[in-house]
Amino acid sequence: MTTIPTEVTLDQRRAACRALGLPPAMVANLSLAREGVRASLYVLDREGRRIVHGEQLLTAAVHISAAEEVTTP
């Protein structure tokens, strides 16, 4: 049986974001599901700063659908 890790390192998270084409610094949340990937990305102003509304950082939800075909490396 494969051991399930108890945590994900920052480097692993960054690698997953890059593999999905998401800028790691903009990803607030990332979850994998059978139907694809769901991510929350920080909303930035024109100068590249995260936008705050009240006391909350603004985020935008993104869904990346899973492909039906399986590819092997």
PDB file of N, CA and C in Angstrom:
ATOM      1  N   MET A   1       0.835  -1.182   0.000  1.00  0.00           N
ATOM      2  CA  MET A   1       0.000   0.000   0.000  1.00  0.00           C
ATOM      3  C   MET A   1       0.879   1.244   0.000  1.00  0.00           C
ATOM      4  N   THR A   2       0.477   2.247  -0.751  1.00  0.00           N
ATOM      5  CA  THR A   2       1.208   3.504  -0.838  1.00  0.00           C
ATOM      6  C   THR A   2       0.916   4.366   0.384  1.00  0.00           C
ATOM      7  N   THR A   3       1.952   4.995   0.909  1.00  0.00           N
ATOM      8  CA  THR A   3       1.783   5.878   2.046  1.00  0.00           C
ATOM      9  C   THR A   3       1.221   7.217   1.568  1.00  0.00           C
ATOM     10  N   ILE A   4       0.228   7.719   2.266  1.00  0.00           N
ATOM     11  CA  ILE A   4      -0.371   9.013   1.930  1.00  0.00           C
ATOM     12  C   ILE A   4       0.350  10.083   2.737  1.00  0.00           C
ATOM     13  N   PRO A   5       0.863  11.103   2.071  1.00  0.00           N
ATOM     14  CA  PRO A   5       1.582  12.152   2.811  1.00  0.00           C
ATOM     15  C   PRO A   5       0.634  12.939   3.706  1.00  0.00           C
ATOM     16  N   THR A   6       1.180  13.473   4.782  1.00  0.00           N
ATOM     17  CA  THR A   6       0.375  14.283   5.704  1.00  0.00           C
ATOM     18  C   THR A   6       0.424  15.757   5.364  1.00  0.00           C
ATOM     19  N   GLU A   7       1.327  16.129   4.483  1.00  0.00           N
ATOM     20  CA  GLU A   7       1.421  17.536   4.062  1.00  0.00           C
ATOM     21  C   GLU A   7       2.037  17.624   2.682  1.00  0.00           C
ATOM     22  N   VAL A   8       1.869  18.778   2.066  1.00  0.00           N
ATOM     23  CA  VAL A   8       2.440  19.069   0.751  1.00  0.00           C
ATOM     24  C   VAL A   8       3.424  20.210   0.936  1.00  0.00           C
ATOM     25  N   THR A   9       4.604  20.060   0.361  1.00  0.00           N
ATOM     26  CA  THR A   9       5.604  21.113   0.502  1.00  0.00           C
ATOM     27  C   THR A   9       5.280  22.290  -0.414  1.00  0.00           C
ATOM     28  N   LEU A  10       5.869  23.419  -0.133  1.00  0.00           N
ATOM     29  CA  LEU A  10       5.681  24.607  -0.968  1.00  0.00           C
ATOM     30  C   LEU A  10       6.180  24.341  -2.388  1.00  0.00           C
ATOM     31  N   ASP A  11       7.298  23.636  -2.516  1.00  0.00           N
ATOM     32  CA  ASP A  11       7.815  23.312  -3.850  1.00  0.00           C
ATOM     33  C   ASP A  11       6.852  22.412  -4.626  1.00  0.00           C
ATOM     34  N   GLN A  12       6.209  21.463  -3.947  1.00  0.00           N
ATOM     35  CA  GLN A  12       5.231  20.595  -4.602  1.00  0.00           C
ATOM     36  C   GLN A  12       4.010  21.394  -5.054  1.00  0.00           C
ATOM     37  N   ARG A  13       3.565  22.316  -4.213  1.00  0.00           N
ATOM     38  CA  ARG A  13       2.417  23.152  -4.581  1.00  0.00           C
ATOM     39  C   ARG A  13       2.755  24.022  -5.788  1.00  0.00           C
ATOM     40  N   ARG A  14       3.940  24.614  -5.758  1.00  0.00           N
ATOM     41  CA  ARG A  14       4.363  25.450  -6.895  1.00  0.00           C
ATOM     42  C   ARG A  14       4.452  24.627  -8.174  1.00  0.00           C
ATOM     43  N   ALA A  15       4.997  23.409  -8.080  1.00  0.00           N
ATOM     44  CA  ALA A  15       5.122  22.540  -9.253  1.00  0.00           C
ATOM     45  C   ALA A  15       3.746  22.172  -9.805  1.00  0.00           C
ATOM     46  N   ALA A  16       2.790  21.895  -8.927  1.00  0.00           N
ATOM     47  CA  ALA A  16       1.430  21.579  -9.373  1.00  0.00           C
ATOM     48  C   ALA A  16       0.803  22.770 -10.088  1.00  0.00           C
ATOM     49  N   CYS A  17       0.982  23.956  -9.533  1.00  0.00           N
ATOM     50  CA  CYS A  17       0.443  25.166 -10.171  1.00  0.00           C
ATOM     51  C   CYS A  17       1.050  25.371 -11.548  1.00  0.00           C
ATOM     52  N   ARG A  18       2.374  25.236 -11.634  1.00  0.00           N
ATOM     53  CA  ARG A  18       3.040  25.412 -12.932  1.00  0.00           C
ATOM     54  C   ARG A  18       2.569  24.369 -13.937  1.00  0.00           C
ATOM     55  N   ALA A  19       2.377  23.124 -13.499  1.00  0.00           N
ATOM     56  CA  ALA A  19       1.910  22.062 -14.396  1.00  0.00           C
ATOM     57  C   ALA A  19       0.521  22.371 -14.940  1.00  0.00           C
ATOM     58  N   LEU A  20      -0.275  23.088 -14.155  1.00  0.00           N
ATOM     59  CA  LEU A  20      -1.628  23.461 -14.576  1.00  0.00           C
ATOM     60  C   LEU A  20      -1.672  24.798 -15.311  1.00  0.00           C
ATOM     61  N   GLY A  21      -0.521  25.463 -15.427  1.00  0.00           N
ATOM     62  CA  GLY A  21      -0.476  26.750 -16.106  1.00  0.00           C
ATOM     63  C   GLY A  21      -0.973  27.900 -15.258  1.00  0.00           C
ATOM     64  N   LEU A  22      -0.976  27.720 -13.923  1.00  0.00           N
ATOM     65  CA  LEU A  22      -1.425  28.767 -13.011  1.00  0.00           C
ATOM     66  C   LEU A  22      -0.221  29.418 -12.342  1.00  0.00           C
ATOM     67  N   PRO A  23      -0.181  30.742 -12.259  1.00  0.00           N
ATOM     68  CA  PRO A  23       0.927  31.408 -11.584  1.00  0.00           C
ATOM     69  C   PRO A  23       0.858  31.129 -10.075  1.00  0.00           C
ATOM     70  N   PRO A  24       1.841  30.430  -9.507  1.00  0.00           N
ATOM     71  CA  PRO A  24       1.791  30.036  -8.096  1.00  0.00           C
ATOM     72  C   PRO A  24       1.509  31.181  -7.128  1.00  0.00           C
ATOM     73  N   ALA A  25       2.031  32.362  -7.391  1.00  0.00           N
ATOM     74  CA  ALA A  25       1.847  33.493  -6.474  1.00  0.00           C
ATOM     75  C   ALA A  25       0.397  33.996  -6.458  1.00  0.00           C
ATOM     76  N   MET A  26      -0.381  33.635  -7.461  1.00  0.00           N
ATOM     77  CA  MET A  26      -1.773  34.086  -7.528  1.00  0.00           C
ATOM     78  C   MET A  26      -2.757  33.059  -6.987  1.00  0.00           C
ATOM     79  N   VAL A  27      -2.289  31.852  -6.676  1.00  0.00           N
ATOM     80  CA  VAL A  27      -3.191  30.782  -6.252  1.00  0.00           C
ATOM     81  C   VAL A  27      -3.432  30.859  -4.749  1.00  0.00           C
ATOM     82  N   ALA A  28      -4.695  31.090  -4.379  1.00  0.00           N
ATOM     83  CA  ALA A  28      -5.084  31.121  -2.969  1.00  0.00           C
ATOM     84  C   ALA A  28      -5.455  29.731  -2.492  1.00  0.00           C
ATOM     85  N   ASN A  29      -6.079  28.938  -3.368  1.00  0.00           N
ATOM     86  CA  ASN A  29      -6.568  27.616  -3.006  1.00  0.00           C
ATOM     87  C   ASN A  29      -6.580  26.754  -4.257  1.00  0.00           C
ATOM     88  N   LEU A  30      -6.281  25.477  -4.086  1.00  0.00           N
ATOM     89  CA  LEU A  30      -6.239  24.549  -5.214  1.00  0.00           C
ATOM     90  C   LEU A  30      -6.773  23.211  -4.738  1.00  0.00           C
ATOM     91  N   SER A  31      -7.736  22.644  -5.467  1.00  0.00           N
ATOM     92  CA  SER A  31      -8.246  21.328  -5.091  1.00  0.00           C
ATOM     93  C   SER A  31      -8.452  20.483  -6.337  1.00  0.00           C
ATOM     94  N   LEU A  32      -8.136  19.225  -6.200  1.00  0.00           N
ATOM     95  CA  LEU A  32      -8.287  18.272  -7.292  1.00  0.00           C
ATOM     96  C   LEU A  32      -9.531  17.443  -7.034  1.00  0.00           C
ATOM     97  N   ALA A  33     -10.276  17.177  -8.074  1.00  0.00           N
ATOM     98  CA  ALA A  33     -11.470  16.343  -7.976  1.00  0.00           C
ATOM     99  C   ALA A  33     -11.568  15.508  -9.240  1.00  0.00           C
ATOM    100  N   ARG A  34     -12.432  14.547  -9.221  1.00  0.00           N
ATOM    101  CA  ARG A  34     -12.596  13.654 -10.374  1.00  0.00           C
ATOM    102  C   ARG A  34     -12.947  14.426 -11.647  1.00  0.00           C
ATOM    103  N   GLU A  35     -13.720  15.494 -11.497  1.00  0.00           N
ATOM    104  CA  GLU A  35     -14.155  16.258 -12.673  1.00  0.00           C
ATOM    105  C   GLU A  35     -13.148  17.300 -13.128  1.00  0.00           C
ATOM    106  N   GLY A  36     -12.059  17.470 -12.392  1.00  0.00           N
ATOM    107  CA  GLY A  36     -11.026  18.425 -12.798  1.00  0.00           C
ATOM    108  C   GLY A  36     -10.377  19.111 -11.614  1.00  0.00           C
ATOM    109  N   VAL A  37      -9.990  20.338 -11.830  1.00  0.00           N
ATOM    110  CA  VAL A  37      -9.295  21.132 -10.805  1.00  0.00           C
ATOM    111  C   VAL A  37     -10.097  22.394 -10.545  1.00  0.00           C
ATOM    112  N   ARG A  38     -10.208  22.734  -9.288  1.00  0.00           N
ATOM    113  CA  ARG A  38     -10.820  24.007  -8.896  1.00  0.00           C
ATOM    114  C   ARG A  38      -9.752  24.826  -8.192  1.00  0.00           C
ATOM    115  N   ALA A  39      -9.680  26.099  -8.564  1.00  0.00           N
ATOM    116  CA  ALA A  39      -8.688  26.982  -7.958  1.00  0.00           C
ATOM    117  C   ALA A  39      -9.322  28.326  -7.649  1.00  0.00           C
ATOM    118  N   SER A  40      -8.831  28.950  -6.609  1.00  0.00           N
ATOM    119  CA  SER A  40      -9.181  30.336  -6.300  1.00  0.00           C
ATOM    120  C   SER A  40      -7.930  31.153  -6.533  1.00  0.00           C
ATOM    121  N   LEU A  41      -8.051  32.153  -7.389  1.00  0.00           N
ATOM    122  CA  LEU A  41      -6.906  33.007  -7.710  1.00  0.00           C
ATOM    123  C   LEU A  41      -7.131  34.394  -7.130  1.00  0.00           C
ATOM    124  N   TYR A  42      -6.072  34.979  -6.581  1.00  0.00           N
ATOM    125  CA  TYR A  42      -6.172  36.341  -6.065  1.00  0.00           C
ATOM    126  C   TYR A  42      -6.430  37.304  -7.214  1.00  0.00           C
ATOM    127  N   VAL A  43      -7.264  38.299  -6.974  1.00  0.00           N
ATOM    128  CA  VAL A  43      -7.530  39.356  -7.953  1.00  0.00           C
ATOM    129  C   VAL A  43      -6.524  40.463  -7.695  1.00  0.00           C
ATOM    130  N   LEU A  44      -5.840  40.898  -8.754  1.00  0.00           N
ATOM    131  CA  LEU A  44      -4.791  41.907  -8.629  1.00  0.00           C
ATOM    132  C   LEU A  44      -5.216  43.226  -9.244  1.00  0.00           C
ATOM    133  N   ASP A  45      -4.664  44.317  -8.709  1.00  0.00           N
ATOM    134  CA  ASP A  45      -4.901  45.622  -9.322  1.00  0.00           C
ATOM    135  C   ASP A  45      -3.906  45.821 -10.465  1.00  0.00           C
ATOM    136  N   ARG A  46      -3.935  46.964 -11.098  1.00  0.00           N
ATOM    137  CA  ARG A  46      -3.062  47.226 -12.256  1.00  0.00           C
ATOM    138  C   ARG A  46      -1.580  47.196 -11.925  1.00  0.00           C
ATOM    139  N   GLU A  47      -1.246  47.440 -10.666  1.00  0.00           N
ATOM    140  CA  GLU A  47       0.149  47.408 -10.233  1.00  0.00           C
ATOM    141  C   GLU A  47       0.571  46.027  -9.745  1.00  0.00           C
ATOM    142  N   GLY A  48      -0.332  45.049  -9.806  1.00  0.00           N
ATOM    143  CA  GLY A  48      -0.009  43.682  -9.411  1.00  0.00           C
ATOM    144  C   GLY A  48      -0.193  43.383  -7.933  1.00  0.00           C
ATOM    145  N   ARG A  49      -0.864  44.298  -7.203  1.00  0.00           N
ATOM    146  CA  ARG A  49      -1.117  44.079  -5.779  1.00  0.00           C
ATOM    147  C   ARG A  49      -2.452  43.375  -5.603  1.00  0.00           C
ATOM    148  N   ARG A  50      -2.542  42.524  -4.580  1.00  0.00           N
ATOM    149  CA  ARG A  50      -3.795  41.846  -4.273  1.00  0.00           C
ATOM    150  C   ARG A  50      -4.824  42.857  -3.790  1.00  0.00           C
ATOM    151  N   ILE A  51      -6.050  42.736  -4.279  1.00  0.00           N
ATOM    152  CA  ILE A  51      -7.118  43.662  -3.924  1.00  0.00           C
ATOM    153  C   ILE A  51      -7.830  43.164  -2.668  1.00  0.00           C
ATOM    154  N   VAL A  52      -8.018  44.079  -1.728  1.00  0.00           N
ATOM    155  CA  VAL A  52      -8.717  43.781  -0.482  1.00  0.00           C
ATOM    156  C   VAL A  52     -10.059  44.493  -0.502  1.00  0.00           C
ATOM    157  N   HIS A  53     -11.109  43.781  -0.105  1.00  0.00           N
ATOM    158  CA  HIS A  53     -12.438  44.361   0.033  1.00  0.00           C
ATOM    159  C   HIS A  53     -12.854  44.152   1.479  1.00  0.00           C
ATOM    160  N   GLY A  54     -12.969  45.242   2.226  1.00  0.00           N
ATOM    161  CA  GLY A  54     -13.202  45.106   3.662  1.00  0.00           C
ATOM    162  C   GLY A  54     -11.940  44.521   4.285  1.00  0.00           C
ATOM    163  N   GLU A  55     -12.075  43.343   4.870  1.00  0.00           N
ATOM    164  CA  GLU A  55     -10.903  42.665   5.444  1.00  0.00           C
ATOM    165  C   GLU A  55     -10.561  41.384   4.688  1.00  0.00           C
ATOM    166  N   GLN A  56     -11.186  41.184   3.533  1.00  0.00           N
ATOM    167  CA  GLN A  56     -10.992  39.961   2.756  1.00  0.00           C
ATOM    168  C   GLN A  56     -10.242  40.249   1.460  1.00  0.00           C
ATOM    169  N   LEU A  57      -9.317  39.351   1.113  1.00  0.00           N
ATOM    170  CA  LEU A  57      -8.681  39.414  -0.194  1.00  0.00           C
ATOM    171  C   LEU A  57      -9.674  38.910  -1.237  1.00  0.00           C
ATOM    172  N   LEU A  58      -9.782  39.625  -2.346  1.00  0.00           N
ATOM    173  CA  LEU A  58     -10.690  39.195  -3.407  1.00  0.00           C
ATOM    174  C   LEU A  58     -10.063  38.046  -4.186  1.00  0.00           C
ATOM    175  N   THR A  59     -10.890  37.053  -4.516  1.00  0.00           N
ATOM    176  CA  THR A  59     -10.444  35.925  -5.322  1.00  0.00           C
ATOM    177  C   THR A  59     -11.445  35.670  -6.441  1.00  0.00           C
ATOM    178  N   ALA A  60     -10.975  34.993  -7.460  1.00  0.00           N
ATOM    179  CA  ALA A  60     -11.823  34.567  -8.572  1.00  0.00           C
ATOM    180  C   ALA A  60     -11.738  33.049  -8.666  1.00  0.00           C
ATOM    181  N   ALA A  61     -12.885  32.397  -8.836  1.00  0.00           N
ATOM    182  CA  ALA A  61     -12.924  30.937  -8.946  1.00  0.00           C
ATOM    183  C   ALA A  61     -12.639  30.510 -10.381  1.00  0.00           C
ATOM    184  N   VAL A  62     -11.816  29.466 -10.519  1.00  0.00           N
ATOM    185  CA  VAL A  62     -11.458  28.922 -11.827  1.00  0.00           C
ATOM    186  C   VAL A  62     -11.686  27.413 -11.779  1.00  0.00           C
ATOM    187  N   HIS A  63     -12.278  26.873 -12.840  1.00  0.00           N
ATOM    188  CA  HIS A  63     -12.458  25.425 -12.947  1.00  0.00           C
ATOM    189  C   HIS A  63     -11.788  24.947 -14.219  1.00  0.00           C
ATOM    190  N   ILE A  64     -10.916  23.960 -14.094  1.00  0.00           N
ATOM    191  CA  ILE A  64     -10.246  23.352 -15.242  1.00  0.00           C
ATOM    192  C   ILE A  64     -10.799  21.937 -15.367  1.00  0.00           C
ATOM    193  N   SER A  65     -11.529  21.669 -16.426  1.00  0.00           N
ATOM    194  CA  SER A  65     -12.151  20.354 -16.604  1.00  0.00           C
ATOM    195  C   SER A  65     -11.111  19.282 -16.891  1.00  0.00           C
ATOM    196  N   ALA A  66     -11.398  18.071 -16.422  1.00  0.00           N
ATOM    197  CA  ALA A  66     -10.530  16.926 -16.699  1.00  0.00           C
ATOM    198  C   ALA A  66     -10.769  16.445 -18.123  1.00  0.00           C
ATOM    199  N   ALA A  67      -9.712  16.094 -18.810  1.00  0.00           N
ATOM    200  CA  ALA A  67      -9.821  15.545 -20.160  1.00  0.00           C
ATOM    201  C   ALA A  67     -10.328  14.108 -20.077  1.00  0.00           C
ATOM    202  N   GLU A  68     -11.078  13.693 -21.053  1.00  0.00           N
ATOM    203  CA  GLU A  68     -11.614  12.332 -21.075  1.00  0.00           C
ATOM    204  C   GLU A  68     -10.544  11.315 -21.427  1.00  0.00           C
ATOM    205  N   GLU A  69      -9.598  11.698 -22.238  1.00  0.00           N
ATOM    206  CA  GLU A  69      -8.575  10.752 -22.664  1.00  0.00           C
ATOM    207  C   GLU A  69      -7.434  10.685 -21.667  1.00  0.00           C
ATOM    208  N   VAL A  70      -6.812   9.540 -21.597  1.00  0.00           N
ATOM    209  CA  VAL A  70      -5.664   9.344 -20.713  1.00  0.00           C
ATOM    210  C   VAL A  70      -4.422   9.326 -21.575  1.00  0.00           C
ATOM    211  N   THR A  71      -3.440  10.139 -21.218  1.00  0.00           N
ATOM    212  CA  THR A  71      -2.183  10.144 -21.972  1.00  0.00           C
ATOM    213  C   THR A  71      -1.082   9.611 -21.076  1.00  0.00           C
ATOM    214  N   THR A  72      -0.127   8.931 -21.666  1.00  0.00           N
ATOM    215  CA  THR A  72       1.010   8.415 -20.920  1.00  0.00           C
ATOM    216  C   THR A  72       2.269   9.124 -21.394  1.00  0.00           C
ATOM    217  N   PRO A  73       3.172   9.364 -20.453  1.00  0.00           N
ATOM    218  CA  PRO A  73       4.403  10.081 -20.819  1.00  0.00           C
ATOM    219  C   PRO A  73       5.286   9.294 -21.747  1.00  0.00           C
TER     220      PRO A  73
END
